Every structure is written in structure tokens, then in C-alpha cells.
C-alpha atoms as a PDB file:
ATOM      1  CA  LYS A   1       0.491  -0.204   0.341  1.00  0.00           C
ATOM      2  CA  GLN A   2       1.423   2.912  -1.140  1.00  0.00           C
ATOM      3  CA  TRP A   3       2.545   5.625   2.904  1.00  0.00           C
ATOM      4  CA  TYR A   4       0.642   8.550   1.393  1.00  0.00           C
ATOM      5  CA  GLN A   5      -2.318   9.387  -1.113  1.00  0.00           C
ATOM      6  CA  ARG A   6      -3.539  12.354  -3.256  1.00  0.00           C
ATOM      7  CA  ARG A   7      -6.793  13.899  -1.427  1.00  0.00           C
ATOM      8  CA  VAL A   8      -7.420  17.283  -2.077  1.00  0.00           C
ATOM      9  CA  ARG A   9      -5.477  20.233  -4.313  1.00  0.00           C
ATOM     10  CA  GLY A  10      -6.137  23.028  -3.010  1.00  0.00           C
ATOM     11  CA  ASP A  11      -7.356  26.153  -5.331  1.00  0.00           C
ATOM     12  CA  GLU A  12      -8.410  28.536  -2.472  1.00  0.00           C
ATOM     13  CA  CYS A  13      -9.493  32.103  -2.505  1.00  0.00           C
ATOM     14  CA  LEU A  14      -6.960  34.042  -0.776  1.00  0.00           C
ATOM     15  CA  ASN A  15      -8.366  37.679   0.302  1.00  0.00           C
ATOM     16  CA  SER A  16     -10.795  37.098   3.266  1.00  0.00           C
ATOM     17  CA  ASP A  17     -12.641  38.967   6.078  1.00  0.00           C
ATOM     18  CA  GLN A  18      -9.642  37.750   8.499  1.00  0.00           C
ATOM     19  CA  ASP A  19      -7.503  39.805   9.937  1.00  0.00           C
ATOM     20  CA  TYR A  20      -4.560  38.093   9.231  1.00  0.00           C
ATOM     21  CA  SER A  21      -2.997  34.974   7.559  1.00  0.00           C
ATOM     22  CA  TYR A  22      -0.019  33.909   6.254  1.00  0.00           C
ATOM     23  CA  TRP A  23       0.689  31.305   3.358  1.00  0.00           C
ATOM     24  CA  MET A  24       3.882  29.932   1.090  1.00  0.00           C
ATOM     25  CA  THR A  25       5.690  31.972  -1.496  1.00  0.00           C
ATOM     26  CA  THR A  26       7.056  30.169  -5.021  1.00  0.00           C
ATOM     27  CA  ARG A  27      10.531  30.172  -4.622  1.00  0.00           C
ATOM     28  CA  VAL A  28      12.839  32.413  -6.581  1.00  0.00           C
ATOM     29  CA  PRO A  29      13.877  31.142 -10.248  1.00  0.00           C
ATOM     30  CA  LYS A  30      17.189  29.774  -9.586  1.00  0.00           C
ATOM     31  CA  GLN A  31      19.321  32.573 -12.081  1.00  0.00           C
ATOM     32  CA  GLN A  32      17.472  35.408 -10.841  1.00  0.00           C
ATOM     33  CA  SER A  33      18.106  37.930  -8.189  1.00  0.00           C
ATOM     34  CA  CYS A  34      15.421  38.225  -5.366  1.00  0.00           C
ATOM     35  CA  SER A  35      14.921  42.422  -5.336  1.00  0.00           C
ATOM     36  CA  ASN A  36      13.833  41.649  -9.178  1.00  0.00           C
ATOM     37  CA  TYR A  37      11.355  38.134  -8.149  1.00  0.00           C
ATOM     38  CA  TYR A  38      10.160  39.666  -5.050  1.00  0.00           C
ATOM     39  CA  PRO A  39       7.398  42.971  -5.171  1.00  0.00           C
ATOM     40  CA  SER A  40       8.430  46.064  -3.058  1.00  0.00           C
ATOM     41  CA  GLY A  41       5.357  46.764  -1.506  1.00  0.00           C
ATOM     42  CA  ASP A  42       1.296  45.262  -2.052  1.00  0.00           C
ATOM     43  CA  VAL A  43       0.130  43.518  -4.837  1.00  0.00           C
ATOM     44  CA  SER A  44      -3.268  42.415  -5.478  1.00  0.00           C
ATOM     45  CA  THR A  45      -4.698  38.955  -4.914  1.00  0.00           C
ATOM     46  CA  GLU A  46      -5.093  37.681  -8.534  1.00  0.00           C
ATOM     47  CA  GLU A  47      -1.182  38.370  -9.159  1.00  0.00           C
ATOM     48  CA  ALA A  48      -0.069  36.466  -5.990  1.00  0.00           C
ATOM     49  CA  LYS A  49      -1.842  34.182  -6.684  1.00  0.00           C
ATOM     50  CA  GLN A  50      -0.657  33.704 -10.711  1.00  0.00           C
ATOM     51  CA  LYS A  51       2.712  34.757  -9.476  1.00  0.00           C
ATOM     52  CA  TYR A  52       3.478  34.490  -5.750  1.00  0.00           C
ATOM     53  CA  ILE A  53       1.917  31.804  -3.540  1.00  0.00           C
ATOM     54  CA  SER A  54       2.497  28.508  -4.065  1.00  0.00           C
ATOM     55  CA  ARG A  55       0.326  25.431  -4.951  1.00  0.00           C
ATOM     56  CA  CYS A  56      -0.321  22.470  -2.599  1.00  0.00           C
ATOM     57  CA  VAL A  57      -2.041  18.902  -1.947  1.00  0.00           C
ATOM     58  CA  VAL A  58      -3.424  17.117   0.828  1.00  0.00           C
ATOM     59  CA  CYS A  59      -1.931  13.944   1.560  1.00  0.00           C
ATOM     60  CA  VAL A  60      -3.058  11.495   4.662  1.00  0.00           C
ATOM     61  CA  SER A  61      -0.363   8.938   5.539  1.00  0.00           C
ATOM     62  CA  ASP A  62      -0.104   5.235   6.939  1.00  0.00           C
ATOM     63  CA  TYR A  63       3.141   6.822   8.413  1.00  0.00           C
ATOM     64  CA  LYS A  64       4.448   9.164  11.454  1.00  0.00           C
ATOM     65  CA  LEU A  65       6.595  11.509   9.436  1.00  0.00           C
ATOM     66  CA  VAL A  66       8.900  13.353  11.401  1.00  0.00           C
ATOM     67  CA  SER A  67      12.130  15.797  10.435  1.00  0.00           C
ATOM     68  CA  TYR A  68      16.007  15.804  12.103  1.00  0.00           C
ATOM     69  CA  HIS A  69      18.459  18.001  11.928  1.00  0.00           C
ATOM     70  CA  SER A  70      21.852  18.449  11.755  1.00  0.00           C
ATOM     71  CA  PHE A  71      22.539  21.269  12.935  1.00  0.00           C
ATOM     72  CA  THR A  72      25.382  21.776  10.409  1.00  0.00           C
ATOM     73  CA  ALA A  73      25.211  22.661   6.669  1.00  0.00           C
ATOM     74  CA  ASN A  74      26.002  19.186   5.960  1.00  0.00           C
ATOM     75  CA  PRO A  75      23.403  16.798   5.717  1.00  0.00           C
ATOM     76  CA  PRO A  76      23.224  14.098   8.093  1.00  0.00           C
ATOM     77  CA  THR A  77      26.294  11.678   8.308  1.00  0.00           C
ATOM     78  CA  ASP A  78      26.414   8.181   6.992  1.00  0.00           C
ATOM     79  CA  GLN A  79      27.334   7.016  10.750  1.00  0.00           C
ATOM     80  CA  GLU A  80      23.480   9.014  11.890  1.00  0.00           C
ATOM     81  CA  MET A  81      21.355   6.988   9.082  1.00  0.00           C
ATOM     82  CA  ALA A  82      22.685   3.573   9.805  1.00  0.00           C
ATOM     83  CA  VAL A  83      21.601   4.739  13.775  1.00  0.00           C
ATOM     84  CA  ILE A  84      18.346   5.671  12.281  1.00  0.00           C
ATOM     85  CA  SER A  85      17.394   2.982  10.645  1.00  0.00           C
ATOM     86  CA  GLN A  86      18.468   0.756  13.379  1.00  0.00           C
ATOM     87  CA  LYS A  87      16.159   2.366  15.001  1.00  0.00           C
ATOM     88  CA  GLY A  88      12.917   1.423  12.174  1.00  0.00           C
ATOM     89  CA  TRP A  89      13.262   5.073  10.349  1.00  0.00           C
ATOM     90  CA  GLU A  90      13.160   5.238   6.846  1.00  0.00           C
ATOM     91  CA  LYS A  91      14.274   8.570   4.682  1.00  0.00           C
ATOM     92  CA  VAL A  92      11.810   9.981   2.773  1.00  0.00           C
ATOM     93  CA  TYR A  93      13.718  13.247   1.310  1.00  0.00           C
ATOM     94  CA  SER A  94      16.517  15.625   1.887  1.00  0.00           C
ATOM     95  CA  GLY A  95      16.101  19.448   2.344  1.00  0.00           C
ATOM     96  CA  TYR A  96      17.162  22.620   4.555  1.00  0.00           C
ATOM     97  CA  SER A  97      15.651  23.216   7.896  1.00  0.00           C
ATOM     98  CA  TYR A  98      13.610  26.039   8.238  1.00  0.00           C
ATOM     99  CA  ILE A  99      11.601  27.189  11.364  1.00  0.00           C
ATOM    100  CA  MET A 100       8.272  29.836  11.378  1.00  0.00           C
ATOM    101  CA  GLN A 101       7.166  31.427  13.513  1.00  0.00           C
ATOM    102  CA  VAL A 102       5.147  34.270  13.755  1.00  0.00           C
ATOM    103  CA  GLY A 103       3.419  36.244  16.632  1.00  0.00           C
ATOM    104  CA  PRO A 104       4.552  38.435  19.271  1.00  0.00           C
ATOM    105  CA  GLY A 105       4.584  37.621  23.128  1.00  0.00           C
ATOM    106  CA  ARG A 106       3.801  33.829  22.516  1.00  0.00           C
ATOM    107  CA  ALA A 107       4.295  32.796  19.557  1.00  0.00           C
ATOM    108  CA  PHE A 108       2.895  30.504  17.688  1.00  0.00           C
ATOM    109  CA  GLY A 109       4.479  28.036  14.375  1.00  0.00           C
ATOM    110  CA  ASN A 110       5.883  25.231  13.309  1.00  0.00           C
ATOM    111  CA  ALA A 111       7.881  22.258  15.755  1.00  0.00           C
ATOM    112  CA  VAL A 112      11.528  21.642  14.842  1.00  0.00           C
ATOM    113  CA  PHE A 113      10.553  17.724  14.558  1.00  0.00           C
ATOM    114  CA  ASP A 114       7.762  17.956  12.773  1.00  0.00           C
ATOM    115  CA  HIS A 115       8.231  17.448   8.871  1.00  0.00           C
ATOM    116  CA  GLU A 116       7.219  20.904   8.013  1.00  0.00           C
ATOM    117  CA  SER A 117      10.717  22.173   9.741  1.00  0.00           C
ATOM    118  CA  CYS A 118      12.232  19.721   6.765  1.00  0.00           C
ATOM    119  CA  ARG A 119      12.473  21.786   3.078  1.00  0.00           C
ATOM    120  CA  ARG A 120      13.030  21.040  -0.101  1.00  0.00           C
ATOM    121  CA  GLU A 121      12.903  24.364  -1.357  1.00  0.00           C
ATOM    122  CA  PHE A 122      15.029  27.109   0.568  1.00  0.00           C
ATOM    123  CA  THR A 123      13.397  30.675  -0.854  1.00  0.00           C
ATOM    124  CA  PRO A 124      14.851  34.002   1.035  1.00  0.00           C
ATOM    125  CA  THR A 125      11.172  35.199   1.941  1.00  0.00           C
ATOM    126  CA  MET A 126       8.639  32.286   2.610  1.00  0.00           C
ATOM    127  CA  ILE A 127       5.574  33.457   4.240  1.00  0.00           C
ATOM    128  CA  ALA A 128       3.186  36.034   2.489  1.00  0.00           C
ATOM    129  CA  GLN A 129       1.089  37.701   5.051  1.00  0.00           C
ATOM    130  CA  THR A 130      -2.571  38.783   3.750  1.00  0.00           C
ATOM    131  CA  TYR A 131      -4.355  41.311   5.783  1.00  0.00           C
ATOM    132  CA  LYS A 132      -8.553  42.206   4.988  1.00  0.00           C
ATOM    133  CA  LYS A 133      -8.141  41.892   0.920  1.00  0.00           C
ATOM    134  CA  ASP A 134      -4.450  42.964   0.846  1.00  0.00           C
ATOM    135  CA  VAL A 135      -1.750  40.838   0.034  1.00  0.00           C
ATOM    136  CA  ARG A 136       1.781  41.498   1.880  1.00  0.00           C
ATOM    137  CA  PHE A 137       5.383  40.351   1.813  1.00  0.00           C
ATOM    138  CA  ILE A 138       6.031  40.027   5.064  1.00  0.00           C
ATOM    139  CA  SER A 139      10.084  40.389   4.494  1.00  0.00           C
ATOM    140  CA  SER A 140      10.821  42.442   2.158  1.00  0.00           C
ATOM    141  CA  ASN A 141      14.202  42.444   3.462  1.00  0.00           C
ATOM    142  CA  PHE A 142      14.128  38.920   2.579  1.00  0.00           C
ATOM    143  CA  LYS A 143      15.016  37.812   6.121  1.00  0.00           C
ATOM    144  CA  SER A 144      12.588  34.658   7.362  1.00  0.00           C
ATOM    145  CA  MET A 145      14.289  32.062   9.876  1.00  0.00           C
ATOM    146  CA  TRP A 146      16.096  29.246   8.867  1.00  0.00           C
ATOM    147  CA  LEU A 147      18.325  27.098  10.693  1.00  0.00           C
ATOM    148  CA  ILE A 148      21.891  27.540   9.774  1.00  0.00           C
ATOM    149  CA  ASP A 149      25.200  25.835  11.023  1.00  0.00           C
ATOM    150  CA  SER A 150      25.599  25.918  14.746  1.00  0.00           C
ATOM    151  CA  SER A 151      29.770  26.170  13.988  1.00  0.00           C
ATOM    152  CA  ALA A 152      29.164  29.960  11.729  1.00  0.00           C
ATOM    153  CA  MET A 153      29.659  32.953  13.372  1.00  0.00           C
ATOM    154  CA  PRO A 154      27.460  36.089  12.949  1.00  0.00           C
ATOM    155  CA  ASP A 155      28.084  37.165   9.104  1.00  0.00           C
ATOM    156  CA  ARG A 156      26.967  40.622   8.126  1.00  0.00           C
ATOM    157  CA  ASN A 157      27.827  39.717   4.466  1.00  0.00           C
ATOM    158  CA  MET A 158      25.731  36.686   4.638  1.00  0.00           C
ATOM    159  CA  LYS A 159      23.504  37.397   1.119  1.00  0.00           C
ATOM    160  CA  VAL A 160      21.306  35.890  -0.962  1.00  0.00           C
ATOM    161  CA  ASP A 161      20.243  38.468  -2.807  1.00  0.00           C
ATOM    162  CA  SER A 162      21.855  36.833  -6.765  1.00  0.00           C
ATOM    163  CA  ALA A 163      21.274  33.587  -7.592  1.00  0.00           C
ATOM    164  CA  GLN A 164      25.378  33.225  -6.219  1.00  0.00           C
ATOM    165  CA  ASP A 165      24.883  34.293  -2.594  1.00  0.00           C
ATOM    166  CA  ARG A 166      21.669  31.548  -3.029  1.00  0.00           C
ATOM    167  CA  GLU A 167      24.458  29.395  -3.657  1.00  0.00           C
ATOM    168  CA  SER A 168      27.026  29.361  -1.344  1.00  0.00           C
ATOM    169  CA  PHE A 169      24.059  30.465   1.180  1.00  0.00           C
ATOM    170  CA  ILE A 170      23.226  27.390   0.704  1.00  0.00           C
ATOM    171  CA  GLN A 171      26.546  25.428   1.273  1.00  0.00           C
ATOM    172  CA  ASN A 172      28.712  26.866   3.578  1.00  0.00           C
ATOM    173  CA  TYR A 173      25.320  27.938   5.803  1.00  0.00           C
ATOM    174  CA  LEU A 174      22.257  27.037   5.526  1.00  0.00           C
ATOM    175  CA  GLY A 175      21.340  23.890   7.798  1.00  0.00           C
ATOM    176  CA  LYS A 176      20.137  20.742   6.146  1.00  0.00           C
ATOM    177  CA  CYS A 177      17.963  18.175   7.150  1.00  0.00           C
ATOM    178  CA  VAL A 178      15.620  14.816   6.435  1.00  0.00           C
ATOM    179  CA  VAL A 179      12.009  13.951   6.563  1.00  0.00           C
ATOM    180  CA  LEU A 180      11.898  10.155   8.431  1.00  0.00           C
ATOM    181  CA  ARG A 181       9.232   7.637   7.980  1.00  0.00           C
ATOM    182  CA  ARG A 182       8.872   4.310   9.967  1.00  0.00           C
ATOM    183  CA  SER A 183      10.255   1.200   7.674  1.00  0.00           C
ATOM    184  CA  ILE A 184       7.004  -1.187   7.464  1.00  0.00           C
ATOM    185  CA  GLU A 185       9.971  -3.920   8.441  1.00  0.00           C
ATOM    186  CA  LYS A 186      10.634  -2.660  11.938  1.00  0.00           C
ATOM    187  CA  LYS A 187       6.828  -3.035  13.544  1.00  0.00           C
ATOM    188  CA  MET A 188       8.204  -3.303  16.614  1.00  0.00           C
ATOM    189  CA  TYR A 189       9.111   0.068  17.595  1.00  0.00           C
ATOM    190  CA  TYR A 190       6.555   2.513  18.686  1.00  0.00           C
ATOM    191  CA  TYR A 191       5.564   5.955  17.553  1.00  0.00           C
ATOM    192  CA  SER A 192       5.831   7.819  19.954  1.00  0.00           C
ATOM    193  CA  ASP A 193       9.936   6.491  19.751  1.00  0.00           C
ATOM    194  CA  ASN A 194      11.849   9.377  18.607  1.00  0.00           C
ATOM    195  CA  PRO A 195      13.811   9.694  16.522  1.00  0.00           C
ATOM    196  CA  ASP A 196      17.230  11.732  17.135  1.00  0.00           C
ATOM    197  CA  ASN A 197      17.753   9.186  20.307  1.00  0.00           C
ATOM    198  CA  TYR A 198      20.260   6.583  18.359  1.00  0.00           C
ATOM    199  CA  GLU A 199      22.699   6.541  20.966  1.00  0.00           C
ATOM    200  CA  LEU A 200      24.130   2.859  21.151  1.00  0.00           C
END
């Protein structure tokens, strides 16, 4: 049996009467600069839907999905992955470590162990904000919350505007991760087991 099934294709309206809502954006084309791609201010809902809002499907999985982050610019090592496999987990895909937090005071967002914290694509602006009928980009200065290499020193020269800058940032700073699912061959493990508890 397939581990997930495609159920719903999203094509919902962006503009609503709610005060605020948040939407995943499309990634910057590989050879284009952020400053040339992202709008400088508010855009219409039609333009946002056509160009800037990511499309998606809703899937149902028979498996628990979790993220495992290396907290470095390198993917989890072969040794780590071997021990994870022994614990009954297998890789679904590799990605980049992303954290979304919004709201003042007690903020809300995704948990670091959830699979949505490991994104297949990197783009400097991940979230667009709507306020009533207006579509706004939160990160007009191209700042969003990604985990970077824990050994990296704060560096004002970390740039992501040009294609070359983004490639350098991905290779040298951006945190790497994998999304894991329970192996069908390891049914003796419980779903509540934590995949990052991989000591021998």
C-alpha cells in the first residue's frame, strides 16, 4: 500500500475578511535575484495567486513523519543515518531546516521535529501575509527564519539576493535535514519513539 494518498488539490481564495493569514510563497527562480523577483509592496490577490503563492496538495499518510536536523551545513552523516535505520526509521527526502514563528509574545509556528520544518526548497522569503483584501510580503528585506550551521559565526556578509549568493549560503551556512518515516520492516517500534534518540 502506498504510504500516502493524494486527496485534495488546493485552489482556495486568498482574500478573506479575517484580519491576518499567512501563505507559503513560490521560490525565487534559480538564476534570478530576489530584488527583481519579489514585489516591493502590496500586490493584488490575482497577481499573488498567479505568481507568488505556492500550490500544494493535501496527503494522508499511514506513517508518522518527523524531521531530523544536522544543525550543520552538511546533511546527517552516514553513521547517523545507519543508527536511525536500526531504530526503525527510513528517509523520505532531504531538505533544508526551516523554522516559522509568528505572533508577538507567545508566538506560534512549526515544531523543529515536525516534517514541515524540513523544506525541499530554499527561498529567502517563505511567507506572504494577507490583511483583509491586501496581500503583503512580510520579508521585504528577504529575512526569514532558517536554521544555520551551529558553528557559523554571525556574519553581516551572508547575502542571499543574487543566485550566486544564495548558492553560497546554501552550501556554507544553511542547515540540512531529512524527513523520516517508520520503516514497514520495523513494526516492533512504537510510533512514540523519538528518532533523534539514536545512541547505541
